[in-house]
Protein backbone atom coordinates (compact mmCIF):
# COMPACT_ATOMS: atom_id res chain seq x y z
CA MET A 1 5.05 -10.90 15.66
CA LEU A 2 8.52 -12.33 15.93
CA ASN A 3 9.75 -13.44 19.30
CA ALA A 4 12.70 -11.14 20.01
CA ASP A 5 14.61 -14.08 21.48
CA GLU A 6 14.13 -16.33 18.46
CA ASN A 7 17.71 -16.11 17.24
CA VAL A 8 19.42 -15.97 20.65
CA GLY A 9 21.41 -19.12 21.27
CA LYS A 10 20.76 -20.58 17.82
CA ASP A 11 22.94 -23.59 17.06
CA ALA A 12 25.50 -22.54 14.45
CA SER A 13 24.80 -25.75 12.53
CA GLU A 14 21.15 -24.81 12.03
CA PRO A 15 20.04 -23.08 8.82
CA GLY A 16 19.50 -19.36 8.97
CA SER A 17 16.41 -17.33 8.11
CA VAL A 18 15.37 -15.21 5.13
CA VAL A 19 13.87 -11.87 6.13
CA LEU A 20 11.67 -10.10 3.57
CA LEU A 21 11.27 -6.37 4.27
CA ARG A 22 8.85 -4.30 2.21
CA HIS A 23 9.72 -0.66 1.60
CA GLY A 24 7.96 2.13 3.47
CA GLN A 25 4.98 4.18 2.35
CA THR A 26 4.99 6.01 -0.99
CA ALA A 27 2.40 8.32 -2.50
CA TRP A 28 1.27 5.51 -4.78
CA SER A 29 1.01 2.92 -2.02
CA VAL A 30 -1.48 5.33 -0.42
CA SER A 31 -3.44 5.92 -3.65
CA GLY A 32 -3.39 2.26 -4.72
CA GLN A 33 -1.57 2.88 -8.02
CA TYR A 34 0.45 -0.03 -9.37
CA THR A 35 4.10 0.79 -8.75
CA GLY A 36 6.54 -1.39 -10.61
CA ARG A 37 9.66 0.21 -12.05
CA THR A 38 8.75 3.87 -11.48
CA ASN A 39 11.46 5.31 -9.21
CA ILE A 40 9.12 6.85 -6.69
CA PRO A 41 10.54 8.02 -3.33
CA LEU A 42 9.26 7.32 0.15
CA THR A 43 6.94 9.82 1.79
CA LYS A 44 7.93 11.39 5.12
CA GLN A 45 5.72 8.80 6.78
CA GLY A 46 7.48 6.11 4.78
CA MET A 47 10.83 7.29 6.15
CA ILE A 48 9.48 7.05 9.70
CA GLN A 49 8.06 3.59 8.99
CA ALA A 50 11.42 2.40 7.69
CA ARG A 51 13.22 3.59 10.82
CA GLN A 52 10.61 1.85 12.97
CA ALA A 53 11.12 -1.34 10.97
CA GLY A 54 14.84 -1.09 11.69
CA VAL A 55 14.12 -0.98 15.41
CA ARG A 56 11.91 -4.08 15.20
CA LEU A 57 14.53 -5.92 13.16
CA ARG A 58 17.24 -5.18 15.73
CA GLN A 59 14.97 -6.47 18.47
CA SER A 60 14.18 -9.65 16.57
CA PHE A 61 17.69 -10.24 15.21
CA PRO A 62 19.97 -8.79 17.91
CA HIS A 63 23.08 -10.26 16.28
CA GLY A 64 22.26 -8.38 13.08
CA PHE A 65 23.09 -9.35 9.51
CA GLU A 66 26.51 -9.79 7.94
CA LYS A 67 27.29 -7.25 5.20
CA ASP A 68 27.22 -9.87 2.46
CA CYS A 69 23.75 -10.98 3.59
CA VAL A 70 21.91 -7.68 3.06
CA TYR A 71 20.33 -7.37 -0.39
CA VAL A 72 18.16 -4.61 -1.82
CA SER A 73 16.17 -3.87 -4.94
CA PRO A 74 17.95 -1.10 -6.91
CA LEU A 75 14.79 1.04 -6.91
CA LYS A 76 14.84 4.25 -4.85
CA ARG A 77 12.06 3.36 -2.41
CA ALA A 78 13.81 0.14 -1.42
CA LEU A 79 17.22 1.81 -1.12
CA GLN A 80 15.78 4.58 1.07
CA THR A 81 14.10 1.97 3.25
CA ALA A 82 17.36 0.06 3.65
CA GLN A 83 19.24 3.18 4.66
CA GLN A 84 16.58 4.40 7.09
CA ALA A 85 16.39 0.93 8.65
CA GLY A 86 20.12 1.03 9.35
CA PHE A 87 21.66 -0.79 6.37
CA ASP A 88 24.19 1.62 4.90
CA GLN A 89 25.74 -0.52 2.17
CA PRO A 90 23.22 -3.11 0.99
CA LEU A 91 24.07 -5.22 -2.02
CA PRO A 92 21.90 -4.47 -5.10
CA MET A 93 19.94 -7.48 -6.35
CA PRO A 94 18.08 -6.81 -9.64
CA GLU A 95 16.21 -10.12 -9.29
CA ILE A 96 14.08 -8.62 -6.50
CA MET A 97 12.98 -5.50 -8.36
CA GLU A 98 9.21 -5.11 -8.33
CA TRP A 99 7.00 -6.76 -10.93
CA ASP A 100 7.05 -4.74 -14.16
CA PHE A 101 3.37 -3.87 -14.51
CA GLY A 102 3.66 -2.60 -18.08
CA HIS A 103 0.59 -0.60 -19.15
CA ALA A 104 -0.84 -0.91 -15.63
CA GLU A 105 2.04 1.19 -14.24
CA GLY A 106 0.74 4.14 -12.24
CA GLN A 107 -2.89 3.05 -12.74
CA ILE A 108 -5.47 1.73 -10.29
CA ARG A 109 -7.37 -1.50 -10.79
CA GLN A 110 -10.82 0.09 -10.95
CA ASP A 111 -9.85 2.43 -13.78
CA LEU A 112 -8.19 -0.34 -15.77
CA SER A 113 -11.24 -2.57 -15.37
CA LYS A 114 -13.51 0.24 -16.56
CA GLU A 115 -11.38 0.90 -19.64
CA LEU A 116 -11.05 -2.80 -20.41
CA GLY A 117 -14.81 -3.35 -20.07
CA ARG A 118 -14.45 -6.18 -17.57
CA ASP A 119 -12.90 -6.89 -14.22
CA TRP A 120 -9.09 -7.01 -14.52
CA ASP A 121 -6.86 -8.70 -12.00
CA VAL A 122 -3.07 -8.47 -12.06
CA TRP A 123 -2.65 -11.99 -10.68
CA SER A 124 -4.84 -13.87 -13.14
CA ASP A 125 -4.70 -11.51 -16.16
CA GLY A 126 -1.29 -9.90 -15.84
CA PRO A 127 -0.09 -6.80 -17.70
CA ALA A 128 -0.60 -8.45 -21.11
CA ALA A 129 -4.38 -8.06 -20.82
CA VAL A 130 -4.14 -4.24 -20.71
CA MET A 131 -1.46 -3.77 -23.37
CA ASN A 132 -3.97 -2.33 -25.85
CA LEU A 133 -5.03 0.48 -23.52
CA PRO A 134 -3.55 3.83 -24.63
CA LYS A 135 -0.88 4.35 -21.96
CA ALA A 136 2.32 6.24 -22.68
CA ASP A 137 5.48 7.41 -20.97
CA ARG A 138 4.76 10.51 -18.91
CA ASP A 139 5.88 12.82 -16.14
CA GLU A 140 3.73 12.77 -13.02
CA VAL A 141 3.74 15.18 -10.09
CA LEU A 142 3.32 13.56 -6.68
CA PRO A 143 1.27 15.20 -3.90
CA GLY A 144 4.49 16.44 -2.24
CA GLY A 145 5.64 18.14 -5.45
CA ASP A 146 8.20 15.56 -6.57
CA HIS A 147 8.24 14.64 -10.26
CA VAL A 148 8.54 11.02 -11.35
CA GLN A 149 9.04 9.62 -14.82
CA VAL A 150 6.62 6.82 -15.66
CA HIS A 151 7.99 4.46 -18.31
CA VAL A 152 5.48 2.11 -19.91
CA THR A 153 6.78 -1.24 -21.16
CA SER A 154 5.13 -4.47 -22.27
CA GLY A 155 5.45 -5.67 -18.69
CA GLU A 156 6.18 -9.08 -17.22
CA SER A 157 4.06 -12.17 -16.80
CA LEU A 158 3.65 -13.68 -13.34
CA GLN A 159 5.72 -16.65 -14.49
CA GLU A 160 8.58 -14.36 -15.54
CA VAL A 161 8.61 -12.75 -12.09
CA ALA A 162 8.59 -16.21 -10.49
CA GLU A 163 11.60 -17.21 -12.58
CA ARG A 164 13.43 -14.10 -11.36
CA VAL A 165 12.78 -14.78 -7.69
CA ASP A 166 13.74 -18.43 -8.13
CA LYS A 167 17.18 -17.13 -9.16
CA ALA A 168 17.29 -14.93 -6.05
CA ILE A 169 16.41 -17.91 -3.85
CA ALA A 170 19.12 -20.02 -5.49
CA ALA A 171 21.65 -17.23 -4.90
CA ILE A 172 20.97 -16.89 -1.16
CA ALA A 173 20.29 -20.55 -0.37
CA PRO A 174 23.98 -21.42 0.31
CA GLN A 175 24.23 -18.60 2.86
CA VAL A 176 21.03 -19.67 4.63
CA LEU A 177 22.08 -23.32 4.71
CA ASP A 178 25.39 -22.16 6.18
CA GLY A 179 23.47 -20.77 9.15
CA LYS A 180 23.44 -17.11 8.10
CA ASP A 181 20.41 -14.82 8.30
CA VAL A 182 19.75 -13.03 5.02
CA ILE A 183 17.57 -9.96 4.50
CA LEU A 184 15.97 -8.89 1.22
CA ILE A 185 14.60 -5.33 1.09
CA ALA A 186 12.20 -4.89 -1.79
CA HIS A 187 8.53 -4.61 -2.76
CA ALA A 188 5.17 -6.14 -1.89
CA HIS A 189 4.32 -8.15 -4.99
CA VAL A 190 7.79 -9.55 -5.64
CA LEU A 191 8.36 -10.47 -1.98
CA ARG A 192 5.00 -12.22 -1.78
CA ILE A 193 5.88 -14.21 -4.90
CA LEU A 194 9.29 -15.03 -3.44
CA ALA A 195 7.68 -16.26 -0.24
CA VAL A 196 5.41 -18.75 -1.99
CA ARG A 197 8.22 -19.91 -4.28
CA TRP A 198 10.33 -20.57 -1.17
CA LEU A 199 7.46 -22.78 -0.01
CA GLY A 200 7.30 -24.56 -3.37
CA LEU A 201 3.85 -23.19 -4.19
CA ASP A 202 2.38 -21.82 -7.41
CA PRO A 203 3.26 -18.11 -7.83
CA ILE A 204 -0.42 -17.14 -8.07
CA ASP A 205 -0.81 -18.23 -4.44
CA ALA A 206 1.08 -15.05 -3.53
CA ARG A 207 -2.23 -13.19 -3.91
CA LEU A 208 -3.24 -14.75 -0.56
CA LEU A 209 -0.44 -12.98 1.32
CA ARG A 210 -0.99 -9.32 2.10
CA MET A 211 2.13 -7.37 3.06
CA TYR A 212 2.03 -4.00 4.81
CA THR A 213 4.48 -1.17 4.09
CA ALA A 214 7.71 -1.36 6.10
CA HIS A 215 6.78 -4.74 7.59
CA PHE A 216 8.72 -7.95 7.24
CA GLY A 217 8.19 -11.66 6.97
CA VAL A 218 10.56 -14.47 7.92
CA LEU A 219 11.19 -17.65 5.94
CA GLY A 220 13.24 -20.57 7.12
CA PHE A 221 13.42 -24.29 7.80
CA TYR A 222 11.63 -26.56 10.22
CA LYS A 223 12.54 -30.25 10.42
CA GLY A 224 14.02 -30.06 6.94
CA ASP A 225 11.03 -28.34 5.31
CA ARG A 226 11.00 -24.80 3.98
CA VAL A 227 8.45 -22.87 6.04
CA LEU A 228 6.90 -19.47 6.61
CA LYS A 229 7.95 -18.60 10.16
CA GLN A 230 6.42 -15.13 10.63
CA TRP A 231 4.57 -12.51 8.56
CA ASN A 232 3.88 -8.76 8.80
CA CYS A 233 6.19 -8.18 11.75
């Protein structure tokens, strides 16, 4: 966990930190369905988790975040998380939308592997490997009664997602180097990829970082190197 005093007394000339906050629980995060661009809402528990994350963030970053340093994925679950955590007017950043899972959208890995006739893995195979499976746009009813529209696309490769997050990193880097703390509120896969790209690692290494709902990680600098400071806070 973060030390609540970490940012107290920080020299203004020092670089800031990048906080990566995953959205709260959704029905599909419980069921294990791949959730890319489907605009699924938070569950009641997800709302509670987001508020709890806001409390932890205020403890760890008592000076808060400047308005121009709060970015959010435009998808509903991220926006709801931002609002519940106490960020009323976050700036939309399309570059941190979740990975577009294509024909894997709304599916679970075991079912896709069974249909494909072999073990399928999103990290090594990507959505392209399941493009020939008969998936179509559809309306799905969530356990709470909400309807969501599932749109099936050709999806994105891991490299395409990495290129997106590299743009996000380039956009926030001047603020961080200027000593400001920046927070990105988004999704598990894309934030994991962003974390390893911050570290200069191959995007597939993101598979080694698990990220819990409504938990955050902290990136920053140490002796001139980009580092992972904390995870799953």
